[in-house]
């Protein structure tokens, strides 16, 4: 494959990566944040996760909203309103 196609493929792959944020009101401490972060990272290898218990917000790059919400719920927390 020539260089032009490799660059294009990389750009397409980068564009496909999405970022989502989910409010999790019952994530109240660092332990909660760690539990959610670990659950997402183990379920979606390569995802970049930031769980902020002060803001009660989980942000994930490299995953879709429905999957992130599902993982948070499976970890025992309640995903609230979210946006992509």
PDB file of N, CA and C in Angstrom:
ATOM      1  N   UNK A   1       0.851  -1.178   0.000  1.00  0.00           N
ATOM      2  CA  UNK A   1       0.000   0.000   0.000  1.00  0.00           C
ATOM      3  C   UNK A   1       0.893   1.236   0.000  1.00  0.00           C
ATOM      4  N   UNK A   2       0.542   2.220  -0.787  1.00  0.00           N
ATOM      5  CA  UNK A   2       1.352   3.428  -0.881  1.00  0.00           C
ATOM      6  C   UNK A   2       1.108   4.349   0.317  1.00  0.00           C
ATOM      7  N   UNK A   3       1.983   5.312   0.500  1.00  0.00           N
ATOM      8  CA  UNK A   3       1.893   6.238   1.631  1.00  0.00           C
ATOM      9  C   UNK A   3       0.575   7.021   1.644  1.00  0.00           C
ATOM     10  N   UNK A   4       0.084   7.377   0.493  1.00  0.00           N
ATOM     11  CA  UNK A   4      -1.153   8.162   0.428  1.00  0.00           C
ATOM     12  C   UNK A   4      -2.316   7.392   1.037  1.00  0.00           C
ATOM     13  N   UNK A   5      -2.386   6.101   0.748  1.00  0.00           N
ATOM     14  CA  UNK A   5      -3.477   5.301   1.295  1.00  0.00           C
ATOM     15  C   UNK A   5      -3.308   5.050   2.785  1.00  0.00           C
ATOM     16  N   UNK A   6      -2.090   4.881   3.245  1.00  0.00           N
ATOM     17  CA  UNK A   6      -1.863   4.660   4.668  1.00  0.00           C
ATOM     18  C   UNK A   6      -2.294   5.883   5.464  1.00  0.00           C
ATOM     19  N   UNK A   7      -1.971   7.053   5.009  1.00  0.00           N
ATOM     20  CA  UNK A   7      -2.359   8.278   5.694  1.00  0.00           C
ATOM     21  C   UNK A   7      -3.877   8.400   5.718  1.00  0.00           C
ATOM     22  N   UNK A   8      -4.510   8.132   4.587  1.00  0.00           N
ATOM     23  CA  UNK A   8      -5.963   8.220   4.499  1.00  0.00           C
ATOM     24  C   UNK A   8      -6.621   7.224   5.450  1.00  0.00           C
ATOM     25  N   UNK A   9      -6.116   5.993   5.498  1.00  0.00           N
ATOM     26  CA  UNK A   9      -6.685   4.989   6.388  1.00  0.00           C
ATOM     27  C   UNK A   9      -6.587   5.441   7.842  1.00  0.00           C
ATOM     28  N   UNK A  10      -5.463   6.040   8.211  1.00  0.00           N
ATOM     29  CA  UNK A  10      -5.285   6.521   9.569  1.00  0.00           C
ATOM     30  C   UNK A  10      -6.283   7.637   9.881  1.00  0.00           C
ATOM     31  N   UNK A  11      -6.498   8.540   8.933  1.00  0.00           N
ATOM     32  CA  UNK A  11      -7.446   9.632   9.140  1.00  0.00           C
ATOM     33  C   UNK A  11      -8.863   9.109   9.297  1.00  0.00           C
ATOM     34  N   UNK A  12      -9.227   8.110   8.512  1.00  0.00           N
ATOM     35  CA  UNK A  12     -10.560   7.527   8.614  1.00  0.00           C
ATOM     36  C   UNK A  12     -10.717   6.845   9.963  1.00  0.00           C
ATOM     37  N   UNK A  13      -9.706   6.105  10.394  1.00  0.00           N
ATOM     38  CA  UNK A  13      -9.769   5.429  11.683  1.00  0.00           C
ATOM     39  C   UNK A  13      -9.886   6.440  12.817  1.00  0.00           C
ATOM     40  N   UNK A  14      -9.152   7.525  12.748  1.00  0.00           N
ATOM     41  CA  UNK A  14      -9.220   8.550  13.781  1.00  0.00           C
ATOM     42  C   UNK A  14     -10.594   9.193  13.832  1.00  0.00           C
ATOM     43  N   UNK A  15     -11.185   9.414  12.685  1.00  0.00           N
ATOM     44  CA  UNK A  15     -12.503  10.038  12.630  1.00  0.00           C
ATOM     45  C   UNK A  15     -13.569   9.134  13.227  1.00  0.00           C
ATOM     46  N   UNK A  16     -13.357   7.809  13.173  1.00  0.00           N
ATOM     47  CA  UNK A  16     -14.343   6.866  13.671  1.00  0.00           C
ATOM     48  C   UNK A  16     -14.344   6.791  15.196  1.00  0.00           C
ATOM     49  N   UNK A  17     -13.278   7.224  15.845  1.00  0.00           N
ATOM     50  CA  UNK A  17     -13.204   7.192  17.298  1.00  0.00           C
ATOM     51  C   UNK A  17     -14.070   8.315  17.853  1.00  0.00           C
ATOM     52  N   UNK A  18     -14.974   7.935  18.736  1.00  0.00           N
ATOM     53  CA  UNK A  18     -15.873   8.939  19.283  1.00  0.00           C
ATOM     54  C   UNK A  18     -15.579   9.156  20.757  1.00  0.00           C
ATOM     55  N   UNK A  19     -16.029  10.274  21.249  1.00  0.00           N
ATOM     56  CA  UNK A  19     -15.912  10.563  22.669  1.00  0.00           C
ATOM     57  C   UNK A  19     -17.292  10.776  23.247  1.00  0.00           C
ATOM     58  N   UNK A  20     -17.536  10.182  24.414  1.00  0.00           N
ATOM     59  CA  UNK A  20     -18.826  10.332  25.071  1.00  0.00           C
ATOM     60  C   UNK A  20     -18.608  10.689  26.534  1.00  0.00           C
ATOM     61  N   UNK A  21     -19.583  11.343  27.124  1.00  0.00           N
ATOM     62  CA  UNK A  21     -19.566  11.658  28.546  1.00  0.00           C
ATOM     63  C   UNK A  21     -20.883  11.219  29.160  1.00  0.00           C
ATOM     64  N   UNK A  22     -20.782  10.657  30.351  1.00  0.00           N
ATOM     65  CA  UNK A  22     -21.965  10.165  31.053  1.00  0.00           C
ATOM     66  C   UNK A  22     -21.927  10.681  32.486  1.00  0.00           C
ATOM     67  N   UNK A  23     -23.011  11.264  32.920  1.00  0.00           N
ATOM     68  CA  UNK A  23     -23.122  11.696  34.316  1.00  0.00           C
ATOM     69  C   UNK A  23     -23.517  10.474  35.143  1.00  0.00           C
ATOM     70  N   UNK A  24     -22.806  10.286  36.268  1.00  0.00           N
ATOM     71  CA  UNK A  24     -23.061   9.154  37.157  1.00  0.00           C
ATOM     72  C   UNK A  24     -23.189   9.723  38.574  1.00  0.00           C
ATOM     73  N   UNK A  25     -24.418  10.046  38.979  1.00  0.00           N
ATOM     74  CA  UNK A  25     -24.659  10.716  40.257  1.00  0.00           C
ATOM     75  C   UNK A  25     -24.236   9.873  41.456  1.00  0.00           C
ATOM     76  N   UNK A  26     -24.277   8.540  41.334  1.00  0.00           N
ATOM     77  CA  UNK A  26     -23.894   7.702  42.473  1.00  0.00           C
ATOM     78  C   UNK A  26     -22.405   7.328  42.462  1.00  0.00           C
ATOM     79  N   UNK A  27     -21.610   7.984  41.631  1.00  0.00           N
ATOM     80  CA  UNK A  27     -20.147   7.864  41.686  1.00  0.00           C
ATOM     81  C   UNK A  27     -19.676   8.986  42.609  1.00  0.00           C
ATOM     82  N   UNK A  28     -19.472   8.668  43.888  1.00  0.00           N
ATOM     83  CA  UNK A  28     -19.250   9.707  44.889  1.00  0.00           C
ATOM     84  C   UNK A  28     -17.831   9.779  45.437  1.00  0.00           C
ATOM     85  N   UNK A  29     -16.958   8.840  45.060  1.00  0.00           N
ATOM     86  CA  UNK A  29     -15.601   8.845  45.618  1.00  0.00           C
ATOM     87  C   UNK A  29     -14.606   8.247  44.629  1.00  0.00           C
ATOM     88  N   UNK A  30     -13.350   8.283  45.001  1.00  0.00           N
ATOM     89  CA  UNK A  30     -12.304   7.731  44.152  1.00  0.00           C
ATOM     90  C   UNK A  30     -12.448   6.234  43.928  1.00  0.00           C
ATOM     91  N   UNK A  31     -12.954   5.527  44.933  1.00  0.00           N
ATOM     92  CA  UNK A  31     -13.157   4.077  44.762  1.00  0.00           C
ATOM     93  C   UNK A  31     -14.213   3.808  43.694  1.00  0.00           C
ATOM     94  N   UNK A  32     -15.302   4.549  43.741  1.00  0.00           N
ATOM     95  CA  UNK A  32     -16.354   4.419  42.724  1.00  0.00           C
ATOM     96  C   UNK A  32     -15.775   4.706  41.333  1.00  0.00           C
ATOM     97  N   UNK A  33     -15.016   5.789  41.232  1.00  0.00           N
ATOM     98  CA  UNK A  33     -14.424   6.178  39.950  1.00  0.00           C
ATOM     99  C   UNK A  33     -13.491   5.086  39.446  1.00  0.00           C
ATOM    100  N   UNK A  34     -12.691   4.517  40.335  1.00  0.00           N
ATOM    101  CA  UNK A  34     -11.772   3.450  39.949  1.00  0.00           C
ATOM    102  C   UNK A  34     -12.503   2.211  39.476  1.00  0.00           C
ATOM    103  N   UNK A  35     -13.596   1.881  40.144  1.00  0.00           N
ATOM    104  CA  UNK A  35     -14.392   0.711  39.758  1.00  0.00           C
ATOM    105  C   UNK A  35     -14.965   0.895  38.351  1.00  0.00           C
ATOM    106  N   UNK A  36     -15.523   2.062  38.088  1.00  0.00           N
ATOM    107  CA  UNK A  36     -16.104   2.346  36.773  1.00  0.00           C
ATOM    108  C   UNK A  36     -15.021   2.372  35.707  1.00  0.00           C
ATOM    109  N   UNK A  37     -13.920   3.046  35.990  1.00  0.00           N
ATOM    110  CA  UNK A  37     -12.816   3.137  35.024  1.00  0.00           C
ATOM    111  C   UNK A  37     -12.291   1.744  34.678  1.00  0.00           C
ATOM    112  N   UNK A  38     -12.071   0.922  35.681  1.00  0.00           N
ATOM    113  CA  UNK A  38     -11.568  -0.435  35.448  1.00  0.00           C
ATOM    114  C   UNK A  38     -12.555  -1.265  34.622  1.00  0.00           C
ATOM    115  N   UNK A  39     -13.833  -1.119  34.928  1.00  0.00           N
ATOM    116  CA  UNK A  39     -14.853  -1.873  34.193  1.00  0.00           C
ATOM    117  C   UNK A  39     -14.855  -1.500  32.716  1.00  0.00           C
ATOM    118  N   UNK A  40     -14.753  -0.210  32.434  1.00  0.00           N
ATOM    119  CA  UNK A  40     -14.760   0.240  31.042  1.00  0.00           C
ATOM    120  C   UNK A  40     -13.482  -0.190  30.330  1.00  0.00           C
ATOM    121  N   UNK A  41     -12.339   0.018  30.978  1.00  0.00           N
ATOM    122  CA  UNK A  41     -11.063  -0.333  30.345  1.00  0.00           C
ATOM    123  C   UNK A  41     -10.938  -1.829  30.083  1.00  0.00           C
ATOM    124  N   UNK A  42     -11.485  -2.657  30.959  1.00  0.00           N
ATOM    125  CA  UNK A  42     -11.390  -4.098  30.735  1.00  0.00           C
ATOM    126  C   UNK A  42     -12.381  -4.574  29.672  1.00  0.00           C
ATOM    127  N   UNK A  43     -13.477  -3.855  29.519  1.00  0.00           N
ATOM    128  CA  UNK A  43     -14.486  -4.233  28.522  1.00  0.00           C
ATOM    129  C   UNK A  43     -14.205  -3.661  27.141  1.00  0.00           C
ATOM    130  N   UNK A  44     -13.514  -2.521  27.092  1.00  0.00           N
ATOM    131  CA  UNK A  44     -13.222  -1.853  25.818  1.00  0.00           C
ATOM    132  C   UNK A  44     -11.725  -1.547  25.777  1.00  0.00           C
ATOM    133  N   UNK A  45     -10.917  -2.536  25.395  1.00  0.00           N
ATOM    134  CA  UNK A  45      -9.467  -2.305  25.344  1.00  0.00           C
ATOM    135  C   UNK A  45      -9.126  -1.112  24.440  1.00  0.00           C
ATOM    136  N   UNK A  46      -8.233  -0.280  24.924  1.00  0.00           N
ATOM    137  CA  UNK A  46      -7.812   0.882  24.148  1.00  0.00           C
ATOM    138  C   UNK A  46      -8.614   2.138  24.406  1.00  0.00           C
ATOM    139  N   UNK A  47      -9.719   2.017  25.129  1.00  0.00           N
ATOM    140  CA  UNK A  47     -10.531   3.200  25.438  1.00  0.00           C
ATOM    141  C   UNK A  47      -9.781   4.074  26.433  1.00  0.00           C
ATOM    142  N   UNK A  48      -9.901   5.380  26.258  1.00  0.00           N
ATOM    143  CA  UNK A  48      -9.312   6.341  27.200  1.00  0.00           C
ATOM    144  C   UNK A  48     -10.428   6.803  28.122  1.00  0.00           C
ATOM    145  N   UNK A  49     -10.273   6.539  29.416  1.00  0.00           N
ATOM    146  CA  UNK A  49     -11.339   6.800  30.379  1.00  0.00           C
ATOM    147  C   UNK A  49     -10.893   7.830  31.411  1.00  0.00           C
ATOM    148  N   UNK A  50     -11.767   8.790  31.685  1.00  0.00           N
ATOM    149  CA  UNK A  50     -11.562   9.743  32.762  1.00  0.00           C
ATOM    150  C   UNK A  50     -12.827   9.724  33.614  1.00  0.00           C
ATOM    151  N   UNK A  51     -12.681   9.300  34.863  1.00  0.00           N
ATOM    152  CA  UNK A  51     -13.811   9.273  35.791  1.00  0.00           C
ATOM    153  C   UNK A  51     -13.554  10.296  36.884  1.00  0.00           C
ATOM    154  N   UNK A  52     -14.375  11.332  36.948  1.00  0.00           N
ATOM    155  CA  UNK A  52     -14.196  12.436  37.894  1.00  0.00           C
ATOM    156  C   UNK A  52     -15.321  12.406  38.924  1.00  0.00           C
ATOM    157  N   UNK A  53     -15.025  11.910  40.147  1.00  0.00           N
ATOM    158  CA  UNK A  53     -16.098  11.813  41.147  1.00  0.00           C
ATOM    159  C   UNK A  53     -16.599  13.175  41.638  1.00  0.00           C
ATOM    160  N   UNK A  54     -15.754  14.189  41.609  1.00  0.00           N
ATOM    161  CA  UNK A  54     -16.203  15.521  42.037  1.00  0.00           C
ATOM    162  C   UNK A  54     -17.259  16.073  41.089  1.00  0.00           C
ATOM    163  N   UNK A  55     -17.048  15.875  39.792  1.00  0.00           N
ATOM    164  CA  UNK A  55     -18.013  16.339  38.788  1.00  0.00           C
ATOM    165  C   UNK A  55     -19.087  15.286  38.518  1.00  0.00           C
ATOM    166  N   UNK A  56     -18.840  14.069  39.030  1.00  0.00           N
ATOM    167  CA  UNK A  56     -19.723  12.914  38.781  1.00  0.00           C
ATOM    168  C   UNK A  56     -19.916  12.695  37.291  1.00  0.00           C
ATOM    169  N   UNK A  57     -18.775  12.734  36.594  1.00  0.00           N
ATOM    170  CA  UNK A  57     -18.782  12.615  35.141  1.00  0.00           C
ATOM    171  C   UNK A  57     -17.736  11.600  34.682  1.00  0.00           C
ATOM    172  N   UNK A  58     -18.154  10.724  33.783  1.00  0.00           N
ATOM    173  CA  UNK A  58     -17.252   9.752  33.167  1.00  0.00           C
ATOM    174  C   UNK A  58     -17.154  10.105  31.691  1.00  0.00           C
ATOM    175  N   UNK A  59     -15.925  10.313  31.216  1.00  0.00           N
ATOM    176  CA  UNK A  59     -15.686  10.620  29.805  1.00  0.00           C
ATOM    177  C   UNK A  59     -14.863   9.492  29.208  1.00  0.00           C
ATOM    178  N   UNK A  60     -15.257   9.068  28.010  1.00  0.00           N
ATOM    179  CA  UNK A  60     -14.589   7.943  27.364  1.00  0.00           C
ATOM    180  C   UNK A  60     -14.354   8.276  25.898  1.00  0.00           C
ATOM    181  N   UNK A  61     -13.117   8.091  25.456  1.00  0.00           N
ATOM    182  CA  UNK A  61     -12.772   8.207  24.039  1.00  0.00           C
ATOM    183  C   UNK A  61     -12.574   6.805  23.498  1.00  0.00           C
ATOM    184  N   UNK A  62     -13.160   6.542  22.347  1.00  0.00           N
ATOM    185  CA  UNK A  62     -12.981   5.245  21.706  1.00  0.00           C
ATOM    186  C   UNK A  62     -14.099   4.268  21.997  1.00  0.00           C
ATOM    187  N   UNK A  63     -15.276   4.791  22.334  1.00  0.00           N
ATOM    188  CA  UNK A  63     -16.407   3.916  22.630  1.00  0.00           C
ATOM    189  C   UNK A  63     -17.708   4.619  22.283  1.00  0.00           C
ATOM    190  N   UNK A  64     -18.759   3.814  22.118  1.00  0.00           N
ATOM    191  CA  UNK A  64     -20.056   4.425  21.845  1.00  0.00           C
ATOM    192  C   UNK A  64     -20.861   4.545  23.138  1.00  0.00           C
ATOM    193  N   UNK A  65     -21.775   5.468  23.137  1.00  0.00           N
ATOM    194  CA  UNK A  65     -22.544   5.832  24.322  1.00  0.00           C
ATOM    195  C   UNK A  65     -23.306   4.641  24.909  1.00  0.00           C
ATOM    196  N   UNK A  66     -23.989   3.883  24.081  1.00  0.00           N
ATOM    197  CA  UNK A  66     -24.795   2.767  24.576  1.00  0.00           C
ATOM    198  C   UNK A  66     -23.928   1.751  25.317  1.00  0.00           C
ATOM    199  N   UNK A  67     -22.766   1.450  24.770  1.00  0.00           N
ATOM    200  CA  UNK A  67     -21.869   0.471  25.401  1.00  0.00           C
ATOM    201  C   UNK A  67     -21.335   0.992  26.730  1.00  0.00           C
ATOM    202  N   UNK A  68     -20.960   2.253  26.788  1.00  0.00           N
ATOM    203  CA  UNK A  68     -20.447   2.847  28.029  1.00  0.00           C
ATOM    204  C   UNK A  68     -21.531   2.820  29.104  1.00  0.00           C
ATOM    205  N   UNK A  69     -22.726   3.192  28.752  1.00  0.00           N
ATOM    206  CA  UNK A  69     -23.836   3.172  29.718  1.00  0.00           C
ATOM    207  C   UNK A  69     -24.096   1.763  30.222  1.00  0.00           C
ATOM    208  N   UNK A  70     -24.039   0.785  29.330  1.00  0.00           N
ATOM    209  CA  UNK A  70     -24.252  -0.612  29.703  1.00  0.00           C
ATOM    210  C   UNK A  70     -23.189  -1.082  30.706  1.00  0.00           C
ATOM    211  N   UNK A  71     -21.938  -0.755  30.446  1.00  0.00           N
ATOM    212  CA  UNK A  71     -20.844  -1.163  31.326  1.00  0.00           C
ATOM    213  C   UNK A  71     -20.977  -0.513  32.700  1.00  0.00           C
ATOM    214  N   UNK A  72     -21.321   0.770  32.737  1.00  0.00           N
ATOM    215  CA  UNK A  72     -21.496   1.467  34.012  1.00  0.00           C
ATOM    216  C   UNK A  72     -22.608   0.808  34.821  1.00  0.00           C
ATOM    217  N   UNK A  73     -23.704   0.480  34.169  1.00  0.00           N
ATOM    218  CA  UNK A  73     -24.819  -0.180  34.856  1.00  0.00           C
ATOM    219  C   UNK A  73     -24.409  -1.564  35.361  1.00  0.00           C
ATOM    220  N   UNK A  74     -23.666  -2.308  34.558  1.00  0.00           N
ATOM    221  CA  UNK A  74     -23.205  -3.637  34.978  1.00  0.00           C
ATOM    222  C   UNK A  74     -22.255  -3.551  36.165  1.00  0.00           C
ATOM    223  N   UNK A  75     -21.553  -2.418  36.296  1.00  0.00           N
ATOM    224  CA  UNK A  75     -20.636  -2.218  37.420  1.00  0.00           C
ATOM    225  C   UNK A  75     -21.391  -1.823  38.697  1.00  0.00           C
ATOM    226  N   UNK A  76     -22.711  -1.615  38.585  1.00  0.00           N
ATOM    227  CA  UNK A  76     -23.527  -1.319  39.758  1.00  0.00           C
ATOM    228  C   UNK A  76     -23.840   0.149  39.959  1.00  0.00           C
ATOM    229  N   UNK A  77     -23.622   0.955  38.943  1.00  0.00           N
ATOM    230  CA  UNK A  77     -23.871   2.395  39.036  1.00  0.00           C
ATOM    231  C   UNK A  77     -24.978   2.798  38.069  1.00  0.00           C
ATOM    232  N   UNK A  78     -25.472   4.014  38.237  1.00  0.00           N
ATOM    233  CA  UNK A  78     -26.604   4.489  37.441  1.00  0.00           C
ATOM    234  C   UNK A  78     -26.156   5.573  36.474  1.00  0.00           C
ATOM    235  N   UNK A  79     -26.040   5.236  35.180  1.00  0.00           N
ATOM    236  CA  UNK A  79     -25.693   6.264  34.190  1.00  0.00           C
ATOM    237  C   UNK A  79     -26.895   7.165  33.921  1.00  0.00           C
ATOM    238  N   UNK A  80     -26.684   8.464  34.041  1.00  0.00           N
ATOM    239  CA  UNK A  80     -27.760   9.429  33.827  1.00  0.00           C
ATOM    240  C   UNK A  80     -27.647  10.049  32.440  1.00  0.00           C
ATOM    241  N   UNK A  81     -28.157  11.259  32.321  1.00  0.00           N
ATOM    242  CA  UNK A  81     -28.118  11.990  31.062  1.00  0.00           C
ATOM    243  C   UNK A  81     -26.690  12.025  30.529  1.00  0.00           C
ATOM    244  N   UNK A  82     -26.569  11.872  29.247  1.00  0.00           N
ATOM    245  CA  UNK A  82     -25.241  11.824  28.645  1.00  0.00           C
ATOM    246  C   UNK A  82     -25.255  12.536  27.319  1.00  0.00           C
ATOM    247  N   UNK A  83     -24.059  12.790  26.814  1.00  0.00           N
ATOM    248  CA  UNK A  83     -23.945  13.392  25.490  1.00  0.00           C
ATOM    249  C   UNK A  83     -22.697  12.879  24.811  1.00  0.00           C
ATOM    250  N   UNK A  84     -22.739  12.913  23.492  1.00  0.00           N
ATOM    251  CA  UNK A  84     -21.585  12.447  22.707  1.00  0.00           C
ATOM    252  C   UNK A  84     -20.716  13.620  22.356  1.00  0.00           C
TER     253      UNK A  84
END
